[in-house]
Protein backbone atom coordinates (compact mmCIF):
# COMPACT_ATOMS: atom_id res chain seq x y z
CA MET A 1 119.93 123.79 125.53
CA THR A 2 117.13 122.92 127.88
CA THR A 3 116.58 119.20 128.36
CA PRO A 4 112.95 118.10 128.18
CA PRO A 5 111.59 116.71 131.44
CA ALA A 6 111.76 112.95 131.82
CA SER A 7 107.98 112.86 132.12
CA ALA A 8 107.47 114.49 128.70
CA ALA A 9 105.34 112.41 126.41
CA VAL A 10 107.10 110.81 123.46
CA VAL A 11 106.06 112.58 120.29
CA PRO A 12 105.18 110.22 117.39
CA PRO A 13 107.63 110.60 114.50
CA LEU A 14 105.07 112.00 112.05
CA ALA A 15 103.13 114.17 114.52
CA GLY A 16 102.69 117.69 113.20
CA PHE A 17 102.88 116.63 109.55
CA THR A 18 100.06 116.31 107.01
CA VAL A 19 100.31 113.54 104.42
CA GLY A 20 98.24 113.33 101.25
CA ILE A 21 97.24 109.93 99.83
CA THR A 22 96.57 109.60 96.08
CA ALA A 23 95.98 105.83 96.16
CA ALA A 24 92.66 104.19 95.39
CA ARG A 25 93.52 100.65 96.44
CA ARG A 26 94.77 100.00 99.99
CA ALA A 27 94.35 103.69 100.82
CA GLY A 28 92.77 102.82 104.17
CA GLU A 29 95.66 100.56 105.10
CA LEU A 30 98.19 103.26 104.25
CA ALA A 31 96.21 105.91 106.15
CA THR A 32 96.12 103.71 109.25
CA MET A 33 99.89 103.19 109.21
CA LEU A 34 100.49 106.92 108.87
CA GLU A 35 98.00 107.91 111.56
CA ARG A 36 99.52 105.43 114.01
CA ARG A 37 102.76 107.38 113.61
CA GLY A 38 101.03 110.66 114.36
CA ALA A 39 100.38 112.07 110.88
CA VAL A 40 97.25 113.89 109.82
CA VAL A 41 96.00 112.29 106.59
CA GLN A 42 94.06 113.79 103.68
CA GLN A 43 92.87 111.41 100.98
CA GLY A 44 92.25 112.31 97.37
CA PRO A 45 92.17 109.22 95.15
CA ALA A 46 93.65 109.98 91.73
CA LEU A 47 92.14 106.82 90.19
CA ARG A 48 89.43 104.21 90.40
CA ILE A 49 89.61 100.57 89.38
CA VAL A 50 87.12 98.96 87.02
CA PRO A 51 86.26 95.50 88.43
CA VAL A 52 87.65 92.75 86.25
CA ALA A 53 84.38 90.83 86.07
CA ASP A 54 82.76 93.82 84.36
CA ASP A 55 85.36 94.00 81.58
CA THR A 56 84.35 92.26 78.35
CA GLU A 57 87.86 92.72 76.90
CA LEU A 58 89.27 90.57 79.71
CA ALA A 59 86.67 87.87 79.07
CA ASP A 60 87.46 87.84 75.35
CA ALA A 61 91.24 87.66 75.95
CA THR A 62 90.81 84.88 78.51
CA ARG A 63 88.71 82.70 76.21
CA ALA A 64 91.20 83.27 73.40
CA LEU A 65 94.05 82.03 75.60
CA VAL A 66 92.06 78.99 76.73
CA ALA A 67 91.39 78.12 73.09
CA ARG A 68 95.05 78.65 72.09
CA PRO A 69 97.33 78.52 75.15
CA PRO A 70 100.29 80.95 75.25
CA ASP A 71 103.93 79.88 75.13
CA VAL A 72 104.80 82.58 77.69
CA THR A 73 102.68 84.52 80.16
CA VAL A 74 103.93 87.69 81.87
CA ALA A 75 102.24 88.48 85.21
CA THR A 76 102.85 92.12 86.14
CA THR A 77 100.94 92.44 89.44
CA GLY A 78 99.79 90.04 92.12
CA HIS A 79 96.46 91.81 92.58
CA GLY A 80 95.79 91.69 88.86
CA PHE A 81 96.75 88.04 88.42
CA ARG A 82 94.55 86.97 91.33
CA GLY A 83 91.67 89.04 89.96
CA TRP A 84 92.12 87.44 86.55
CA VAL A 85 91.87 83.92 87.96
CA GLU A 86 88.89 84.87 90.14
CA ALA A 87 87.09 86.42 87.15
CA ALA A 88 87.73 83.29 85.09
CA ASP A 89 86.29 81.20 87.91
CA GLY A 90 83.18 83.37 87.78
CA TRP A 91 82.84 82.68 84.08
CA GLY A 92 83.24 78.93 84.71
CA ILE A 93 86.62 78.64 82.94
CA GLY A 94 89.03 79.12 85.88
CA GLU A 95 90.51 75.62 85.69
CA ASP A 96 90.78 75.86 81.92
CA LEU A 97 92.71 79.13 82.25
CA LEU A 98 95.18 77.69 84.78
CA ALA A 99 95.73 74.66 82.56
CA ALA A 100 96.40 76.91 79.56
CA LEU A 101 98.85 79.12 81.45
CA GLY A 102 100.54 76.14 83.07
CA ALA A 103 101.26 74.58 79.68
CA GLY A 104 103.72 77.39 78.94
CA LYS A 105 106.31 79.44 80.82
CA LEU A 106 105.26 82.03 83.40
CA LEU A 107 107.32 85.15 84.16
CA ALA A 108 106.58 87.34 87.19
CA ARG A 109 107.50 91.03 87.20
CA GLY A 110 107.96 91.02 90.98
CA PRO A 111 107.49 89.05 94.20
CA LYS A 112 103.80 89.88 94.54
CA ALA A 113 103.08 88.56 91.05
CA ARG A 114 105.24 85.51 91.82
CA GLY A 115 103.26 84.88 95.00
CA ALA A 116 99.96 85.09 93.14
CA ILE A 117 101.19 82.63 90.51
CA ARG A 118 102.25 80.14 93.14
CA ALA A 119 99.06 80.62 95.16
CA SER A 120 97.11 79.55 92.08
CA GLY A 121 99.06 76.28 91.96
CA LEU A 122 101.32 77.29 89.07
CA VAL A 123 105.11 77.73 89.01
CA ASP A 124 106.97 80.81 87.75
CA ALA A 125 110.15 80.38 85.71
CA TRP A 126 111.82 83.78 86.24
CA SER A 127 111.47 87.19 87.88
CA PRO A 128 113.66 90.33 87.58
CA GLU A 129 115.40 91.87 90.56
CA SER A 130 114.32 95.37 89.53
CA GLU A 131 110.59 94.53 89.42
CA SER A 132 110.45 96.49 86.14
CA SER A 133 108.69 95.69 82.88
CA ALA A 134 111.80 96.88 81.00
CA GLU A 135 113.91 94.11 82.50
CA VAL A 136 111.22 91.54 81.67
CA LEU A 137 111.28 92.76 78.07
CA ASP A 138 115.08 92.49 77.91
CA HIS A 139 114.89 88.93 79.24
CA LEU A 140 112.31 87.92 76.63
CA LEU A 141 114.23 89.48 73.77
CA GLU A 142 117.44 87.77 74.88
CA MET A 143 115.76 84.35 74.93
CA GLY A 144 114.16 84.97 71.52
CA VAL A 145 110.43 85.40 70.92
CA ASP A 146 110.06 84.94 67.16
CA GLY A 147 106.97 82.79 66.53
CA LEU A 148 105.94 82.66 70.22
CA ARG A 149 102.46 83.43 71.51
CA ILE A 150 102.89 85.68 74.57
CA ALA A 151 100.18 86.79 77.01
CA VAL A 152 100.97 90.08 78.76
CA GLN A 153 98.86 90.88 81.81
CA LEU A 154 98.45 94.65 81.88
CA HIS A 155 98.44 96.55 85.16
CA GLY A 156 95.85 99.23 84.68
CA GLU A 157 97.19 100.87 81.56
CA PRO A 158 98.66 99.79 78.20
CA LEU A 159 102.32 98.77 77.90
CA PRO A 160 103.00 99.91 74.33
CA ASP A 161 106.80 99.83 74.65
CA VAL A 162 106.76 96.20 75.76
CA VAL A 163 104.02 95.02 73.41
CA ASP A 164 105.37 96.81 70.33
CA ALA A 165 108.93 95.57 70.95
CA LEU A 166 107.73 91.97 71.28
CA ARG A 167 105.66 92.19 68.09
CA MET A 168 108.58 93.71 66.19
CA ALA A 169 110.69 90.77 67.36
CA GLY A 170 108.19 88.35 65.80
CA ALA A 171 105.96 87.44 68.75
CA GLU A 172 102.18 87.17 68.71
CA VAL A 173 101.07 89.20 71.73
CA VAL A 174 97.74 88.86 73.54
CA GLU A 175 97.13 91.84 75.83
CA VAL A 176 95.20 90.93 78.97
CA PRO A 177 93.51 94.01 80.55
CA VAL A 178 92.97 92.54 84.00
CA TYR A 179 91.81 95.80 85.50
CA ARG A 180 91.60 99.38 84.33
CA TRP A 181 92.60 102.62 85.98
CA LEU A 182 90.12 105.40 85.27
CA PRO A 183 89.76 108.92 86.72
CA PRO A 184 87.77 108.95 89.97
CA ALA A 185 84.02 109.21 89.59
CA ASP A 186 84.08 112.07 92.13
CA LEU A 187 86.94 114.48 91.44
CA GLY A 188 86.17 116.57 94.52
CA PRO A 189 88.54 114.85 97.00
CA LEU A 190 91.41 114.91 94.49
CA ASP A 191 90.85 118.59 93.71
CA ARG A 192 90.74 119.42 97.42
CA LEU A 193 93.99 117.53 97.95
CA VAL A 194 95.66 119.52 95.15
CA ASP A 195 94.28 122.79 96.54
CA ALA A 196 95.60 121.95 100.00
CA THR A 197 98.99 121.08 98.52
CA LEU A 198 99.24 124.37 96.66
CA GLY A 199 98.01 126.23 99.74
CA GLY A 200 100.81 124.87 101.91
CA GLY A 201 98.61 122.48 103.87
CA ILE A 202 100.28 119.24 102.71
CA ASP A 203 103.84 118.25 103.64
CA VAL A 204 104.02 114.93 101.78
CA LEU A 205 102.18 113.45 98.79
CA THR A 206 102.28 109.66 98.61
CA PHE A 207 102.08 107.60 95.43
CA THR A 208 101.64 103.82 95.22
CA SER A 209 101.22 103.45 91.45
CA ALA A 210 102.55 105.12 88.33
CA PRO A 211 99.02 105.61 86.90
CA ALA A 212 98.08 107.60 90.02
CA ALA A 213 101.02 109.95 89.53
CA ALA A 214 100.18 110.37 85.83
CA SER A 215 96.49 110.91 86.60
CA LEU A 216 97.28 113.59 89.19
CA LEU A 217 99.43 115.49 86.70
CA ALA A 218 96.74 115.17 84.04
CA ARG A 219 94.04 116.51 86.35
CA CYS A 220 96.22 119.45 87.34
CA ALA A 221 96.82 120.19 83.67
CA GLN A 222 93.03 120.25 83.11
CA ARG A 223 92.71 122.80 85.93
CA GLY A 224 95.65 124.90 84.74
CA MET A 225 97.65 124.01 87.86
CA ARG A 226 100.24 121.57 86.54
CA GLU A 227 103.22 123.92 86.76
CA LEU A 228 102.16 125.11 90.21
CA LEU A 229 101.99 121.53 91.44
CA LEU A 230 105.38 120.69 89.92
CA GLU A 231 106.86 123.75 91.61
CA ALA A 232 105.47 122.60 94.95
CA LEU A 233 106.78 119.05 94.46
CA ARG A 234 110.20 120.38 93.51
CA GLY A 235 110.20 122.57 96.60
CA PRO A 236 108.53 122.25 99.99
CA VAL A 237 106.29 119.21 99.32
CA LEU A 238 107.92 115.79 99.49
CA ALA A 239 106.88 113.19 96.88
CA LEU A 240 107.00 109.75 98.50
CA CYS A 241 106.76 106.80 96.09
CA VAL A 242 106.53 103.10 96.82
CA GLY A 243 109.21 102.30 94.23
CA PRO A 244 111.00 103.33 91.04
CA VAL A 245 108.22 102.25 88.69
CA THR A 246 105.74 104.45 90.56
CA ALA A 247 108.22 107.34 90.68
CA ALA A 248 108.96 107.35 86.93
CA PRO A 249 106.15 109.75 85.79
CA LEU A 250 107.28 112.28 88.43
CA GLU A 251 111.00 111.97 87.88
CA ASP A 252 110.44 112.29 84.12
CA VAL A 253 109.25 115.87 84.76
CA GLY A 254 112.01 116.77 87.19
CA VAL A 255 110.33 115.98 90.52
CA PRO A 256 112.70 114.45 93.11
CA THR A 257 111.20 111.50 94.96
CA LEU A 258 111.83 109.56 98.16
CA GLN A 259 111.61 105.77 97.83
CA PRO A 260 112.21 102.82 100.15
CA GLN A 261 114.70 100.11 99.25
CA ARG A 262 111.86 97.57 99.07
CA SER A 263 108.71 98.46 97.13
CA ARG A 264 106.25 97.86 99.97
CA LEU A 265 103.77 100.06 101.83
CA GLY A 266 105.30 99.29 105.21
CA ALA A 267 108.81 100.07 103.98
CA MET A 268 107.55 103.31 102.45
CA VAL A 269 106.03 104.46 105.74
CA ARG A 270 109.15 103.49 107.70
CA GLN A 271 111.26 105.45 105.23
CA LEU A 272 109.08 108.49 105.79
CA GLU A 273 109.20 108.29 109.58
CA ALA A 274 112.99 108.16 109.40
CA GLU A 275 113.31 110.96 106.86
CA LEU A 276 110.66 113.55 107.64
CA PRO A 277 111.58 114.49 111.25
CA ALA A 278 115.20 114.90 110.12
CA ARG A 279 114.06 117.53 107.61
CA ALA A 280 112.34 119.64 110.26
CA ARG A 281 114.03 122.94 111.05
CA ARG A 282 115.38 123.38 114.58
CA LEU A 283 116.23 126.73 116.16
CA PRO A 284 117.59 127.71 119.61
CA VAL A 285 115.17 130.39 120.82
CA ALA A 286 115.07 131.99 124.30
CA GLY A 287 116.71 128.99 125.92
CA ARG A 288 114.34 126.58 124.21
CA VAL A 289 114.56 124.39 121.14
CA LEU A 290 111.93 125.07 118.48
CA GLU A 291 111.33 122.38 115.86
CA LEU A 292 109.11 123.54 113.02
CA ARG A 293 106.94 120.81 111.54
CA GLY A 294 104.14 121.08 109.02
CA HIS A 295 101.28 122.37 111.17
CA ALA A 296 102.82 122.15 114.61
CA VAL A 297 105.91 123.08 116.61
CA LEU A 298 107.90 121.12 119.13
CA VAL A 299 109.02 123.28 122.06
CA ASP A 300 111.69 121.33 123.92
CA GLY A 301 110.15 118.15 122.57
CA GLU A 302 106.56 119.07 123.50
CA LEU A 303 104.13 119.12 120.58
CA ARG A 304 102.23 122.38 120.14
CA THR A 305 99.57 122.67 117.45
CA VAL A 306 99.63 126.11 115.80
CA PRO A 307 96.85 127.69 113.70
CA PRO A 308 97.65 128.16 109.99
CA ALA A 309 98.07 131.94 110.33
CA GLY A 310 100.43 131.45 113.27
CA MET A 311 102.51 128.90 111.34
CA ALA A 312 102.75 131.34 108.44
CA LEU A 313 104.10 134.03 110.78
CA LEU A 314 106.48 131.62 112.47
CA ARG A 315 107.93 130.45 109.17
CA ALA A 316 108.39 134.05 108.05
CA LEU A 317 110.26 134.81 111.27
CA ALA A 318 112.31 131.61 111.00
CA ARG A 319 113.52 132.60 107.54
CA ARG A 320 115.30 135.53 109.26
CA PRO A 321 115.99 134.14 112.73
CA GLY A 322 117.04 136.79 115.22
CA ARG A 323 116.35 139.63 112.80
CA VAL A 324 113.43 142.01 112.96
CA VAL A 325 110.72 141.24 110.41
CA PRO A 326 108.53 144.28 109.63
CA ARG A 327 104.78 144.04 110.12
CA ALA A 328 104.23 144.67 106.41
CA ASP A 329 106.30 141.60 105.51
CA LEU A 330 104.45 139.49 108.04
CA LEU A 331 101.14 140.74 106.69
CA GLY A 332 102.16 139.53 103.24
CA ALA A 333 102.91 136.07 104.66
CA LEU A 334 99.43 135.66 106.17
CA PRO A 335 96.96 133.48 104.25
CA GLY A 336 93.85 135.24 103.00
CA GLY A 337 95.42 138.44 101.71
CA SER A 338 94.18 140.79 104.46
CA GLY A 339 95.39 144.39 104.12
CA ASP A 340 94.97 145.26 107.80
CA GLU A 341 98.11 145.09 109.95
CA HIS A 342 95.87 144.42 112.93
CA ALA A 343 95.55 140.90 111.50
CA VAL A 344 99.26 140.45 112.26
CA GLU A 345 98.77 141.40 115.91
CA THR A 346 95.81 139.03 116.24
CA ALA A 347 97.66 136.12 114.61
CA MET A 348 100.77 136.86 116.68
CA ALA A 349 98.79 136.74 119.92
CA ARG A 350 97.37 133.35 118.92
CA LEU A 351 100.83 132.12 117.93
CA ARG A 352 102.28 133.04 121.32
CA GLY A 353 99.35 131.36 123.03
CA ALA A 354 99.83 128.20 120.99
CA LEU A 355 103.56 128.10 121.75
CA GLY A 356 102.88 128.56 125.47
CA ARG A 357 105.94 130.84 125.78
CA SER A 358 105.45 134.53 124.98
CA GLU A 359 109.18 135.23 125.23
CA LEU A 360 109.95 133.15 122.14
CA VAL A 361 108.71 135.92 119.84
CA GLN A 362 109.79 139.44 120.80
CA THR A 363 108.01 142.65 119.85
CA VAL A 364 110.28 145.40 118.57
CA VAL A 365 108.30 148.61 119.07
CA LYS A 366 107.34 150.44 115.86
CA ARG A 367 109.38 147.99 113.78
CA GLY A 368 107.98 144.46 113.92
CA TYR A 369 108.77 141.12 115.53
CA ARG A 370 111.73 138.79 115.87
CA LEU A 371 112.54 135.32 117.14
CA ALA A 372 114.62 135.55 120.31
CA LEU A 373 117.46 133.54 118.77
CA ASP A 374 120.12 132.26 121.18
CA PRO A 375 123.74 133.03 120.28
CA GLU A 376 124.91 129.40 120.46
CA PRO A 377 123.65 127.00 117.75
CA VAL A 378 121.82 123.86 118.75
CA SER A 379 123.02 120.53 117.37
CA GLY A 380 120.63 119.02 114.84
CA LYS A 381 119.78 119.42 111.24
CA CYS A 382 118.57 122.83 110.15
CA VAL A 383 116.87 123.15 106.85
């Protein structure tokens, strides 16, 4: 194996990969973290958030809780709890709300909700390790809720399992819709992200909320593409989720997901930069090491950007390394559905130019092309 020169530039861990972002909130922050690690980013928000101050249901629920304070309040998200307090301030009842909530017990679904509670000057009584609403429900049922007035801060969508179980156990439940997830006003970016995913242009789809995952599946169902998307997510496209709650809508339909140990954006990106390069396929070719990434190739550690048609040919050759692949098979692998075998020759010439080494792909006269596979395997993970 040839050792890269000492002067070779260090390739960022996500260089050569394209990552799709479905988030609406903090999408810019996530994109920046990914781009700093070399990724190309395509954004297609699956949701939009209705501002809390515009929601009359939140105002009505807040005034009802001020008039009759709850015995228990469940805060599900830090962003939502902060927005609730800020909206109440705008209505001139912020202090009254804090006094009402502080008169009872506060439960936080996770550390962000706990932090928001404490930042408001209140004190939380308990928080689950799993950061799941199911564990909060179990805790409430174990302590007994018959006759209690419980405020449940929603996190963008209803929580019927939690609310119904509490009511069946005898509690009076006040649902607090702090913010709402709705489909994006402009569906164009989301549709383009789905199209790119199905066309092989996306290596990873990221999800930071369960409603975003559910909304993406719903939109694909509207377009008649749901099964195609699920097939892609069960195959070549990696679904990266910030945590188990976010992953649930995908895993419920058989999509494997990658998750960090801690449900944080930074941890999610670090997990990806550790995982994705290890999944890249490496081949010993003509005394060089080829590493196939999403839209680029590393040749002895040097990043080479390859046009889409060239990557399609290279992947077709890599599926049968060292063996001759007929022109007709390569023609079928090209995007666009051209019926002219001359398109193969043109794309092959551009591929060789992009790789910078013509000897990596050999022409077998009247038969096709082959990767010049070395007889000795190269250490490293091959996929």
